[in-house]
Amino acid sequence: MERALQFNIPGVTYRLVQGVVKHIIP
């Protein structure tokens, strides 16, 4: 979230973090 705010990038969510870290899809 800190890095996304630094570059004005929306869309970081807890669930998305889980998906990227674990390489999972909804």
PDB file of all heavy atoms in Angstrom:
ATOM      1  N   MET A   1       0.833  -1.207   0.000  1.00  0.00           N
ATOM      2  CA  MET A   1       0.000   0.000   0.000  1.00  0.00           C
ATOM      3  C   MET A   1       0.866   1.255   0.000  1.00  0.00           C
ATOM      4  O   MET A   1       0.587   2.226  -0.715  1.00  0.00           O
ATOM      5  CB  MET A   1      -0.923  -0.003   1.217  1.00  0.00           C
ATOM      6  CG  MET A   1      -2.134  -0.916   1.082  1.00  0.00           C
ATOM      7  SD  MET A   1      -3.287  -0.356  -0.191  1.00  0.00           S
ATOM      8  CE  MET A   1      -3.853   1.181   0.531  1.00  0.00           C
ATOM      9  N   GLU A   2       1.938   1.224   0.790  1.00  0.00           N
ATOM     10  CA  GLU A   2       2.844   2.378   0.832  1.00  0.00           C
ATOM     11  C   GLU A   2       3.450   2.640  -0.545  1.00  0.00           C
ATOM     12  O   GLU A   2       3.520   3.790  -1.004  1.00  0.00           O
ATOM     13  CB  GLU A   2       3.956   2.128   1.855  1.00  0.00           C
ATOM     14  CG  GLU A   2       3.480   2.100   3.295  1.00  0.00           C
ATOM     15  CD  GLU A   2       4.611   1.773   4.262  1.00  0.00           C
ATOM     16  OE1 GLU A   2       5.785   1.729   3.804  1.00  0.00           O
ATOM     17  OE2 GLU A   2       4.334   1.558   5.460  1.00  0.00           O
ATOM     18  N   ARG A   3       3.887   1.588  -1.208  1.00  0.00           N
ATOM     19  CA  ARG A   3       4.494   1.764  -2.530  1.00  0.00           C
ATOM     20  C   ARG A   3       3.451   2.176  -3.565  1.00  0.00           C
ATOM     21  O   ARG A   3       3.732   2.987  -4.446  1.00  0.00           O
ATOM     22  CB  ARG A   3       5.180   0.465  -2.960  1.00  0.00           C
ATOM     23  CG  ARG A   3       5.970   0.606  -4.263  1.00  0.00           C
ATOM     24  CD  ARG A   3       6.944  -0.525  -4.443  1.00  0.00           C
ATOM     25  NE  ARG A   3       7.677  -0.413  -5.698  1.00  0.00           N
ATOM     26  CZ  ARG A   3       8.733   0.365  -5.893  1.00  0.00           C
ATOM     27  NH1 ARG A   3       9.182   1.129  -4.904  1.00  0.00           N
ATOM     28  NH2 ARG A   3       9.354   0.388  -7.066  1.00  0.00           N
ATOM     29  N   ALA A   4       2.248   1.637  -3.454  1.00  0.00           N
ATOM     30  CA  ALA A   4       1.184   2.003  -4.398  1.00  0.00           C
ATOM     31  C   ALA A   4       0.817   3.479  -4.257  1.00  0.00           C
ATOM     32  O   ALA A   4       0.602   4.176  -5.257  1.00  0.00           O
ATOM     33  CB  ALA A   4      -0.038   1.127  -4.154  1.00  0.00           C
ATOM     34  N   LEU A   5       0.777   3.983  -3.022  1.00  0.00           N
ATOM     35  CA  LEU A   5       0.484   5.406  -2.803  1.00  0.00           C
ATOM     36  C   LEU A   5       1.608   6.276  -3.352  1.00  0.00           C
ATOM     37  O   LEU A   5       1.372   7.368  -3.887  1.00  0.00           O
ATOM     38  CB  LEU A   5       0.292   5.669  -1.306  1.00  0.00           C
ATOM     39  CG  LEU A   5      -0.985   5.076  -0.671  1.00  0.00           C
ATOM     40  CD1 LEU A   5      -0.956   5.254   0.843  1.00  0.00           C
ATOM     41  CD2 LEU A   5      -2.225   5.751  -1.268  1.00  0.00           C
ATOM     42  N   GLN A   6       2.833   5.795  -3.239  1.00  0.00           N
ATOM     43  CA  GLN A   6       3.986   6.550  -3.740  1.00  0.00           C
ATOM     44  C   GLN A   6       3.900   6.761  -5.249  1.00  0.00           C
ATOM     45  O   GLN A   6       4.277   7.821  -5.757  1.00  0.00           O
ATOM     46  CB  GLN A   6       5.263   5.800  -3.378  1.00  0.00           C
ATOM     47  CG  GLN A   6       6.547   6.474  -3.850  1.00  0.00           C
ATOM     48  CD  GLN A   6       7.780   5.640  -3.534  1.00  0.00           C
ATOM     49  OE1 GLN A   6       7.701   4.648  -2.804  1.00  0.00           O
ATOM     50  NE2 GLN A   6       8.916   6.033  -4.089  1.00  0.00           N
ATOM     51  N   PHE A   7       3.378   5.764  -5.967  1.00  0.00           N
ATOM     52  CA  PHE A   7       3.290   5.858  -7.430  1.00  0.00           C
ATOM     53  C   PHE A   7       1.859   6.072  -7.923  1.00  0.00           C
ATOM     54  O   PHE A   7       1.586   5.939  -9.112  1.00  0.00           O
ATOM     55  CB  PHE A   7       3.860   4.577  -8.058  1.00  0.00           C
ATOM     56  CG  PHE A   7       5.351   4.453  -7.944  1.00  0.00           C
ATOM     57  CD1 PHE A   7       5.933   3.819  -6.851  1.00  0.00           C
ATOM     58  CD2 PHE A   7       6.191   4.989  -8.923  1.00  0.00           C
ATOM     59  CE1 PHE A   7       7.313   3.700  -6.740  1.00  0.00           C
ATOM     60  CE2 PHE A   7       7.564   4.878  -8.824  1.00  0.00           C
ATOM     61  CZ  PHE A   7       8.130   4.229  -7.721  1.00  0.00           C
ATOM     62  N   ASN A   8       0.933   6.398  -6.999  1.00  0.00           N
ATOM     63  CA  ASN A   8      -0.467   6.667  -7.351  1.00  0.00           C
ATOM     64  C   ASN A   8      -1.102   5.497  -8.122  1.00  0.00           C
ATOM     65  O   ASN A   8      -1.736   5.677  -9.164  1.00  0.00           O
ATOM     66  CB  ASN A   8      -0.582   7.953  -8.179  1.00  0.00           C
ATOM     67  CG  ASN A   8      -0.155   9.175  -7.392  1.00  0.00           C
ATOM     68  OD1 ASN A   8      -0.513   9.318  -6.219  1.00  0.00           O
ATOM     69  ND2 ASN A   8       0.628  10.041  -8.030  1.00  0.00           N
ATOM     70  N   ILE A   9      -0.914   4.299  -7.607  1.00  0.00           N
ATOM     71  CA  ILE A   9      -1.453   3.093  -8.239  1.00  0.00           C
ATOM     72  C   ILE A   9      -2.577   2.538  -7.365  1.00  0.00           C
ATOM     73  O   ILE A   9      -2.330   2.121  -6.230  1.00  0.00           O
ATOM     74  CB  ILE A   9      -0.361   2.021  -8.427  1.00  0.00           C
ATOM     75  CG1 ILE A   9       0.758   2.550  -9.329  1.00  0.00           C
ATOM     76  CG2 ILE A   9      -0.954   0.737  -9.019  1.00  0.00           C
ATOM     77  CD1 ILE A   9       1.953   1.619  -9.424  1.00  0.00           C
ATOM     78  N   PRO A  10      -3.821   2.540  -7.835  1.00  0.00           N
ATOM     79  CA  PRO A  10      -4.936   1.992  -7.041  1.00  0.00           C
ATOM     80  C   PRO A  10      -5.054   0.474  -7.221  1.00  0.00           C
ATOM     81  O   PRO A  10      -4.467  -0.104  -8.132  1.00  0.00           O
ATOM     82  CB  PRO A  10      -6.151   2.697  -7.645  1.00  0.00           C
ATOM     83  CG  PRO A  10      -5.775   2.896  -9.089  1.00  0.00           C
ATOM     84  CD  PRO A  10      -4.282   3.132  -9.107  1.00  0.00           C
ATOM     85  N   GLY A  11      -5.815  -0.144  -6.332  1.00  0.00           N
ATOM     86  CA  GLY A  11      -6.169  -1.541  -6.547  1.00  0.00           C
ATOM     87  C   GLY A  11      -5.487  -2.556  -5.657  1.00  0.00           C
ATOM     88  O   GLY A  11      -5.744  -3.754  -5.770  1.00  0.00           O
ATOM     89  N   VAL A  12      -4.611  -2.132  -4.745  1.00  0.00           N
ATOM     90  CA  VAL A  12      -3.968  -3.095  -3.853  1.00  0.00           C
ATOM     91  C   VAL A  12      -4.957  -3.488  -2.763  1.00  0.00           C
ATOM     92  O   VAL A  12      -5.429  -2.638  -2.006  1.00  0.00           O
ATOM     93  CB  VAL A  12      -2.691  -2.507  -3.215  1.00  0.00           C
ATOM     94  CG1 VAL A  12      -2.121  -3.481  -2.178  1.00  0.00           C
ATOM     95  CG2 VAL A  12      -1.644  -2.233  -4.283  1.00  0.00           C
ATOM     96  N   THR A  13      -5.292  -4.760  -2.682  1.00  0.00           N
ATOM     97  CA  THR A  13      -6.190  -5.277  -1.656  1.00  0.00           C
ATOM     98  C   THR A  13      -5.529  -6.457  -0.952  1.00  0.00           C
ATOM     99  O   THR A  13      -4.589  -7.059  -1.474  1.00  0.00           O
ATOM    100  CB  THR A  13      -7.526  -5.744  -2.255  1.00  0.00           C
ATOM    101  OG1 THR A  13      -7.277  -6.860  -3.136  1.00  0.00           O
ATOM    102  CG2 THR A  13      -8.202  -4.624  -3.031  1.00  0.00           C
ATOM    103  N   TYR A  14      -6.038  -6.782   0.218  1.00  0.00           N
ATOM    104  CA  TYR A  14      -5.486  -7.906   0.985  1.00  0.00           C
ATOM    105  C   TYR A  14      -5.614  -9.196   0.187  1.00  0.00           C
ATOM    106  O   TYR A  14      -4.696 -10.018   0.148  1.00  0.00           O
ATOM    107  CB  TYR A  14      -6.227  -8.011   2.316  1.00  0.00           C
ATOM    108  CG  TYR A  14      -5.640  -9.025   3.273  1.00  0.00           C
ATOM    109  CD1 TYR A  14      -4.634  -8.670   4.173  1.00  0.00           C
ATOM    110  CD2 TYR A  14      -6.098 -10.338   3.292  1.00  0.00           C
ATOM    111  CE1 TYR A  14      -4.089  -9.590   5.058  1.00  0.00           C
ATOM    112  CE2 TYR A  14      -5.565 -11.272   4.171  1.00  0.00           C
ATOM    113  CZ  TYR A  14      -4.565 -10.888   5.049  1.00  0.00           C
ATOM    114  OH  TYR A  14      -4.027 -11.812   5.917  1.00  0.00           O
ATOM    115  N   ARG A  15      -6.775  -9.370  -0.475  1.00  0.00           N
ATOM    116  CA  ARG A  15      -6.993 -10.600  -1.238  1.00  0.00           C
ATOM    117  C   ARG A  15      -6.046 -10.689  -2.435  1.00  0.00           C
ATOM    118  O   ARG A  15      -5.540 -11.763  -2.757  1.00  0.00           O
ATOM    119  CB  ARG A  15      -8.440 -10.665  -1.710  1.00  0.00           C
ATOM    120  CG  ARG A  15      -8.783 -11.957  -2.430  1.00  0.00           C
ATOM    121  CD  ARG A  15     -10.254 -12.069  -2.708  1.00  0.00           C
ATOM    122  NE  ARG A  15     -10.569 -13.331  -3.362  1.00  0.00           N
ATOM    123  CZ  ARG A  15     -11.798 -13.712  -3.689  1.00  0.00           C
ATOM    124  NH1 ARG A  15     -12.823 -12.932  -3.396  1.00  0.00           N
ATOM    125  NH2 ARG A  15     -12.010 -14.860  -4.286  1.00  0.00           N
ATOM    126  N   LEU A  16      -5.807  -9.538  -3.076  1.00  0.00           N
ATOM    127  CA  LEU A  16      -4.876  -9.540  -4.208  1.00  0.00           C
ATOM    128  C   LEU A  16      -3.469  -9.886  -3.734  1.00  0.00           C
ATOM    129  O   LEU A  16      -2.732 -10.603  -4.430  1.00  0.00           O
ATOM    130  CB  LEU A  16      -4.888  -8.175  -4.903  1.00  0.00           C
ATOM    131  CG  LEU A  16      -3.977  -8.035  -6.127  1.00  0.00           C
ATOM    132  CD1 LEU A  16      -4.391  -9.013  -7.220  1.00  0.00           C
ATOM    133  CD2 LEU A  16      -3.982  -6.602  -6.657  1.00  0.00           C
ATOM    134  N   VAL A  17      -3.088  -9.381  -2.578  1.00  0.00           N
ATOM    135  CA  VAL A  17      -1.774  -9.706  -2.019  1.00  0.00           C
ATOM    136  C   VAL A  17      -1.652 -11.220  -1.815  1.00  0.00           C
ATOM    137  O   VAL A  17      -0.638 -11.834  -2.167  1.00  0.00           O
ATOM    138  CB  VAL A  17      -1.545  -8.961  -0.690  1.00  0.00           C
ATOM    139  CG1 VAL A  17      -0.293  -9.491   0.013  1.00  0.00           C
ATOM    140  CG2 VAL A  17      -1.413  -7.465  -0.933  1.00  0.00           C
ATOM    141  N   GLN A  18      -2.697 -11.834  -1.252  1.00  0.00           N
ATOM    142  CA  GLN A  18      -2.683 -13.291  -1.080  1.00  0.00           C
ATOM    143  C   GLN A  18      -2.513 -14.004  -2.416  1.00  0.00           C
ATOM    144  O   GLN A  18      -1.748 -14.961  -2.536  1.00  0.00           O
ATOM    145  CB  GLN A  18      -3.986 -13.755  -0.427  1.00  0.00           C
ATOM    146  CG  GLN A  18      -4.077 -13.482   1.055  1.00  0.00           C
ATOM    147  CD  GLN A  18      -5.362 -14.041   1.632  1.00  0.00           C
ATOM    148  OE1 GLN A  18      -6.450 -13.748   1.143  1.00  0.00           O
ATOM    149  NE2 GLN A  18      -5.236 -14.838   2.679  1.00  0.00           N
ATOM    150  N   GLY A  19      -3.243 -13.515  -3.419  1.00  0.00           N
ATOM    151  CA  GLY A  19      -3.185 -14.145  -4.733  1.00  0.00           C
ATOM    152  C   GLY A  19      -1.811 -14.064  -5.362  1.00  0.00           C
ATOM    153  O   GLY A  19      -1.317 -15.038  -5.931  1.00  0.00           O
ATOM    154  N   VAL A  20      -1.156 -12.904  -5.261  1.00  0.00           N
ATOM    155  CA  VAL A  20       0.162 -12.725  -5.860  1.00  0.00           C
ATOM    156  C   VAL A  20       1.220 -13.524  -5.094  1.00  0.00           C
ATOM    157  O   VAL A  20       2.075 -14.188  -5.687  1.00  0.00           O
ATOM    158  CB  VAL A  20       0.543 -11.229  -5.905  1.00  0.00           C
ATOM    159  CG1 VAL A  20       1.982 -11.052  -6.357  1.00  0.00           C
ATOM    160  CG2 VAL A  20      -0.396 -10.467  -6.837  1.00  0.00           C
ATOM    161  N   VAL A  21       1.160 -13.484  -3.774  1.00  0.00           N
ATOM    162  CA  VAL A  21       2.148 -14.181  -2.958  1.00  0.00           C
ATOM    163  C   VAL A  21       2.048 -15.690  -3.140  1.00  0.00           C
ATOM    164  O   VAL A  21       3.053 -16.389  -3.272  1.00  0.00           O
ATOM    165  CB  VAL A  21       1.988 -13.802  -1.471  1.00  0.00           C
ATOM    166  CG1 VAL A  21       2.850 -14.699  -0.583  1.00  0.00           C
ATOM    167  CG2 VAL A  21       2.363 -12.345  -1.259  1.00  0.00           C
ATOM    168  N   LYS A  22       0.824 -16.206  -3.192  1.00  0.00           N
ATOM    169  CA  LYS A  22       0.626 -17.653  -3.267  1.00  0.00           C
ATOM    170  C   LYS A  22       0.413 -18.149  -4.697  1.00  0.00           C
ATOM    171  O   LYS A  22       0.196 -19.341  -4.917  1.00  0.00           O
ATOM    172  CB  LYS A  22      -0.583 -18.062  -2.418  1.00  0.00           C
ATOM    173  CG  LYS A  22      -0.417 -17.771  -0.935  1.00  0.00           C
ATOM    174  CD  LYS A  22      -1.664 -18.161  -0.144  1.00  0.00           C
ATOM    175  CE  LYS A  22      -1.905 -19.640  -0.167  1.00  0.00           C
ATOM    176  NZ  LYS A  22      -3.072 -20.030   0.666  1.00  0.00           N
ATOM    177  N   HIS A  23       0.464 -17.219  -5.668  1.00  0.00           N
ATOM    178  CA  HIS A  23       0.233 -17.575  -7.069  1.00  0.00           C
ATOM    179  C   HIS A  23      -1.119 -18.271  -7.240  1.00  0.00           C
ATOM    180  O   HIS A  23      -1.226 -19.321  -7.864  1.00  0.00           O
ATOM    181  CB  HIS A  23       1.350 -18.472  -7.615  1.00  0.00           C
ATOM    182  CG  HIS A  23       2.664 -17.787  -7.720  1.00  0.00           C
ATOM    183  ND1 HIS A  23       2.935 -16.801  -8.644  1.00  0.00           N
ATOM    184  CD2 HIS A  23       3.801 -17.937  -6.993  1.00  0.00           C
ATOM    185  CE1 HIS A  23       4.170 -16.382  -8.495  1.00  0.00           C
ATOM    186  NE2 HIS A  23       4.717 -17.046  -7.503  1.00  0.00           N
ATOM    187  N   ILE A  24      -2.150 -17.694  -6.627  1.00  0.00           N
ATOM    188  CA  ILE A  24      -3.474 -18.287  -6.737  1.00  0.00           C
ATOM    189  C   ILE A  24      -4.387 -17.369  -7.527  1.00  0.00           C
ATOM    190  O   ILE A  24      -4.122 -16.181  -7.692  1.00  0.00           O
ATOM    191  CB  ILE A  24      -4.102 -18.559  -5.350  1.00  0.00           C
ATOM    192  CG1 ILE A  24      -4.237 -17.250  -4.543  1.00  0.00           C
ATOM    193  CG2 ILE A  24      -3.312 -19.580  -4.586  1.00  0.00           C
ATOM    194  CD1 ILE A  24      -4.951 -17.416  -3.224  1.00  0.00           C
ATOM    195  N   ILE A  25      -5.468 -17.941  -8.032  1.00  0.00           N
ATOM    196  CA  ILE A  25      -6.461 -17.202  -8.788  1.00  0.00           C
ATOM    197  C   ILE A  25      -7.779 -17.261  -8.034  1.00  0.00           C
ATOM    198  O   ILE A  25      -8.010 -18.177  -7.247  1.00  0.00           O
ATOM    199  CB  ILE A  25      -6.627 -17.779 -10.207  1.00  0.00           C
ATOM    200  CG1 ILE A  25      -6.956 -19.262 -10.119  1.00  0.00           C
ATOM    201  CG2 ILE A  25      -5.382 -17.543 -11.029  1.00  0.00           C
ATOM    202  CD1 ILE A  25      -7.177 -19.932 -11.448  1.00  0.00           C
ATOM    203  N   PRO A  26      -8.668 -16.280  -8.235  1.00  0.00           N
ATOM    204  CA  PRO A  26      -9.936 -16.298  -7.506  1.00  0.00           C
ATOM    205  C   PRO A  26     -10.773 -17.510  -7.873  1.00  0.00           C
ATOM    206  O   PRO A  26     -10.817 -17.930  -9.023  1.00  0.00           O
ATOM    207  CB  PRO A  26     -10.614 -14.994  -7.957  1.00  0.00           C
ATOM    208  CG  PRO A  26      -9.966 -14.640  -9.251  1.00  0.00           C
ATOM    209  CD  PRO A  26      -8.561 -15.125  -9.137  1.00  0.00           C
TER     210      PRO A  26
END
